Amino acid sequence: MENMESLNKNVNGDFYKVPFLKFDIKKLRGDLEKILEKKNFSTLGIKSFGAIPLNQIPGDRSSIEGHNVRGTYWTIPDESGKEAKRDQAIDESKYTELLPEFKGTYFEEIFSTLKNHFKLGRIRILLKEPRSTLSWHRDPEPRLHIPIITNKGCRMVIEEVSKHMPADGSVTITNNTKYHNFFNGGEQNRIHLVACVLENPFN
């Protein structure tokens, strides 16, 4: 079985398209529609951002509320160039339980498949609204992306490199430990399934 050890030998650059995984984008979009009929994106009061957690610390609903939806990151807020830490640290390794509302959906199959290959923390459905961007920041660990809804104006920038990740069922691991952002330059919502990767293949 392919796993993180094999990835460590093959990663080149800060965007790594996982060659041995691909999911059914039609099934993923269909079950996303069903989830969105029952759940709203949590915004934490952040403009143009939204998140729906997929997993939690077993039995602990508070682990998917408030600041636990976002987590710590570092940014450079002004021209001084001085780095600043934001939000609160999270023990990603404790997030092992799929939320009950996702059981019986295609998300459960994806959750099980990903956990068989990688050591993951929080898994979230992340929204980026049209004509908006994230801050220039870095995270504690890499991220695994499965784009669900996107457009050509959606691009991730890691340092000097910009890439579009298509919504075709493919899986990409990005080196979020470097400074990066994500912008949606289109006129529709961008929605990705995003997981925190706890073993860094970019080291």
Protein backbone atom coordinates (compact mmCIF):
# COMPACT_ATOMS: atom_id res chain seq x y z
CA MET A 1 0.00 0.00 0.00
CA GLU A 2 1.25 3.45 -0.91
CA ASN A 3 1.74 5.73 2.08
CA MET A 4 3.62 8.74 3.41
CA GLU A 5 6.95 6.91 3.34
CA SER A 6 6.70 6.49 -0.43
CA LEU A 7 5.63 10.14 -0.78
CA ASN A 8 8.73 11.27 1.09
CA LYS A 9 10.86 9.74 -1.66
CA ASN A 10 8.95 11.31 -4.56
CA VAL A 11 7.89 14.83 -3.55
CA ASN A 12 9.39 17.55 -5.73
CA GLY A 13 8.26 21.15 -5.25
CA ASP A 14 5.59 22.46 -2.91
CA PHE A 15 2.56 21.00 -4.71
CA TYR A 16 2.42 17.21 -4.80
CA LYS A 17 -0.34 15.49 -6.77
CA VAL A 18 -0.83 12.08 -5.14
CA PRO A 19 -0.59 9.52 -7.97
CA PHE A 20 -2.38 6.63 -6.31
CA LEU A 21 -5.61 8.38 -5.24
CA LYS A 22 -8.55 9.72 -7.21
CA PHE A 23 -12.17 10.11 -6.10
CA ASP A 24 -15.52 10.34 -7.88
CA ILE A 25 -16.17 14.08 -8.19
CA LYS A 26 -19.85 13.59 -9.11
CA LYS A 27 -20.53 11.55 -5.98
CA LEU A 28 -18.57 14.06 -3.90
CA ARG A 29 -20.56 17.02 -5.24
CA GLY A 30 -23.84 15.15 -4.82
CA ASP A 31 -23.21 14.38 -1.17
CA LEU A 32 -21.91 17.92 -0.58
CA GLU A 33 -25.30 19.22 -1.71
CA LYS A 34 -27.00 16.93 0.82
CA ILE A 35 -24.70 18.12 3.62
CA LEU A 36 -25.31 21.79 2.76
CA GLU A 37 -29.06 21.22 3.07
CA LYS A 38 -28.47 20.38 6.75
CA LYS A 39 -25.37 22.38 7.77
CA ASN A 40 -24.11 25.93 7.31
CA PHE A 41 -20.50 27.01 6.98
CA SER A 42 -18.99 28.36 10.21
CA THR A 43 -17.40 31.74 9.44
CA LEU A 44 -16.00 32.80 12.86
CA GLY A 45 -16.88 36.31 11.74
CA ILE A 46 -14.16 36.17 9.06
CA LYS A 47 -15.11 37.80 5.79
CA SER A 48 -15.42 35.46 2.76
CA PHE A 49 -14.36 32.36 4.78
CA GLY A 50 -16.34 29.30 5.81
CA ALA A 51 -15.64 25.84 7.24
CA ILE A 52 -17.57 22.66 7.99
CA PRO A 53 -15.63 20.16 10.16
CA LEU A 54 -15.65 16.52 9.10
CA ASN A 55 -14.04 15.01 12.19
CA GLN A 56 -13.65 15.73 15.89
CA ILE A 57 -11.91 14.61 19.06
CA PRO A 58 -13.94 11.50 20.02
CA GLY A 59 -17.04 12.48 21.98
CA ASP A 60 -15.98 16.14 22.20
CA ARG A 61 -18.31 18.40 20.23
CA SER A 62 -16.50 21.49 21.55
CA SER A 63 -13.45 20.43 19.49
CA ILE A 64 -15.26 21.62 16.34
CA GLU A 65 -16.51 24.91 17.75
CA GLY A 66 -15.08 28.42 17.95
CA HIS A 67 -11.35 28.78 17.38
CA ASN A 68 -10.99 25.02 16.92
CA VAL A 69 -12.47 25.49 13.45
CA ARG A 70 -9.44 27.54 12.39
CA GLY A 71 -6.29 26.92 14.46
CA THR A 72 -2.94 28.63 14.79
CA TYR A 73 -0.98 30.23 11.96
CA TRP A 74 1.70 32.88 11.45
CA THR A 75 1.43 35.99 9.31
CA ILE A 76 3.31 39.18 8.40
CA PRO A 77 0.69 41.87 9.04
CA ASP A 78 2.51 45.04 7.99
CA GLU A 79 5.55 46.58 6.31
CA SER A 80 7.79 45.95 9.31
CA GLY A 81 8.18 42.35 8.09
CA LYS A 82 7.82 41.06 11.65
CA GLU A 83 6.04 37.73 11.96
CA ALA A 84 2.98 37.48 14.23
CA LYS A 85 1.25 34.38 15.61
CA ARG A 86 -2.52 34.18 15.38
CA ASP A 87 -5.23 32.08 17.02
CA GLN A 88 -4.72 28.99 19.18
CA ALA A 89 -2.66 25.81 18.83
CA ILE A 90 -4.59 22.57 18.23
CA ASP A 91 -3.56 18.97 18.92
CA GLU A 92 -4.40 17.68 15.45
CA SER A 93 -3.59 14.07 16.33
CA LYS A 94 -6.68 13.81 18.55
CA TYR A 95 -9.13 14.37 15.67
CA THR A 96 -9.92 10.75 14.84
CA GLU A 97 -13.72 10.50 14.90
CA LEU A 98 -15.92 11.12 11.85
CA LEU A 99 -18.91 13.30 12.67
CA PRO A 100 -22.20 11.34 12.61
CA GLU A 101 -23.79 13.54 9.94
CA PHE A 102 -21.18 12.29 7.43
CA LYS A 103 -21.73 8.60 8.09
CA GLY A 104 -23.24 6.80 5.12
CA THR A 105 -22.05 9.50 2.71
CA TYR A 106 -19.22 9.48 0.19
CA PHE A 107 -17.31 11.64 2.64
CA GLU A 108 -17.10 8.62 4.98
CA GLU A 109 -15.49 6.55 2.22
CA ILE A 110 -12.98 9.34 1.50
CA PHE A 111 -12.27 9.74 5.23
CA SER A 112 -11.55 6.01 5.57
CA THR A 113 -9.36 5.91 2.45
CA LEU A 114 -7.29 8.93 3.45
CA LYS A 115 -6.76 7.64 6.99
CA ASN A 116 -5.47 4.35 5.56
CA HIS A 117 -2.72 6.18 3.68
CA PHE A 118 -1.85 9.23 5.78
CA LYS A 119 -1.62 10.43 9.35
CA LEU A 120 -4.14 13.28 9.38
CA GLY A 121 -5.55 15.80 11.82
CA ARG A 122 -8.62 17.95 11.25
CA ILE A 123 -10.47 17.49 7.98
CA ARG A 124 -12.72 20.34 6.90
CA ILE A 125 -14.82 21.46 3.97
CA LEU A 126 -13.48 24.96 3.31
CA LEU A 127 -15.26 27.77 1.50
CA LYS A 128 -13.63 30.72 -0.24
CA GLU A 129 -16.15 33.19 -1.54
CA PRO A 130 -15.86 34.86 -4.99
CA ARG A 131 -13.29 37.63 -5.51
CA SER A 132 -11.60 37.09 -2.16
CA THR A 133 -8.25 35.97 -0.75
CA LEU A 134 -6.66 34.57 2.40
CA SER A 135 -3.95 36.40 4.32
CA TRP A 136 -0.27 35.82 3.51
CA HIS A 137 0.53 33.22 6.16
CA ARG A 138 2.11 29.88 7.06
CA ASP A 139 0.64 26.90 8.93
CA PRO A 140 2.14 24.33 11.32
CA GLU A 141 1.78 21.50 8.82
CA PRO A 142 1.09 20.71 5.14
CA ARG A 143 -2.46 20.40 3.80
CA LEU A 144 -4.16 17.78 1.64
CA HIS A 145 -6.64 19.23 -0.88
CA ILE A 146 -9.50 17.63 -2.80
CA PRO A 147 -11.15 20.44 -4.80
CA ILE A 148 -14.93 19.96 -5.06
CA ILE A 149 -16.06 23.20 -6.70
CA THR A 150 -13.55 25.54 -8.32
CA ASN A 151 -12.91 27.77 -11.33
CA LYS A 152 -9.89 28.92 -13.32
CA GLY A 153 -9.61 32.02 -11.14
CA CYS A 154 -8.91 29.92 -8.04
CA ARG A 155 -5.21 29.64 -7.38
CA MET A 156 -2.94 28.78 -4.49
CA VAL A 157 0.30 30.74 -4.19
CA ILE A 158 3.22 29.24 -2.23
CA GLU A 159 6.02 31.79 -2.04
CA GLU A 160 6.71 32.57 -5.73
CA VAL A 161 4.70 29.73 -7.32
CA SER A 162 1.01 29.92 -8.28
CA LYS A 163 -1.08 26.86 -9.21
CA HIS A 164 -4.68 25.97 -9.97
CA MET A 165 -5.98 22.69 -8.56
CA PRO A 166 -8.78 21.26 -10.74
CA ALA A 167 -11.93 19.66 -9.32
CA ASP A 168 -11.45 16.30 -11.03
CA GLY A 169 -11.24 14.00 -8.00
CA SER A 170 -7.48 14.30 -7.68
CA VAL A 171 -5.62 14.78 -4.39
CA THR A 172 -2.84 17.35 -3.90
CA ILE A 173 -0.65 17.87 -0.83
CA THR A 174 0.59 21.46 -0.47
CA ASN A 175 3.50 22.76 1.59
CA ASN A 176 1.60 25.14 3.85
CA THR A 177 4.58 25.40 6.20
CA LYS A 178 5.89 28.00 3.72
CA TYR A 179 4.25 31.39 3.29
CA HIS A 180 1.23 31.13 1.01
CA ASN A 181 -2.28 32.29 0.31
CA PHE A 182 -5.29 31.22 -1.69
CA PHE A 183 -7.42 33.48 -3.84
CA ASN A 184 -10.70 32.99 -5.61
CA GLY A 185 -10.76 35.34 -8.58
CA GLY A 186 -13.91 33.77 -10.00
CA GLU A 187 -17.59 34.55 -9.55
CA GLN A 188 -18.63 31.34 -7.80
CA ASN A 189 -17.75 29.83 -4.44
CA ARG A 190 -14.61 27.72 -4.20
CA ILE A 191 -15.06 24.64 -2.00
CA HIS A 192 -12.25 22.19 -1.12
CA LEU A 193 -12.01 19.24 1.23
CA VAL A 194 -8.85 20.07 3.21
CA ALA A 195 -6.97 17.90 5.72
CA CYS A 196 -4.03 18.68 7.99
CA VAL A 197 -1.13 16.30 7.19
CA LEU A 198 0.81 15.38 10.32
CA GLU A 199 3.83 13.76 8.64
CA ASN A 200 5.60 16.32 6.45
CA PRO A 201 6.65 14.86 3.06
CA PHE A 202 8.40 18.13 2.15
CA ASN A 203 11.12 17.81 4.81
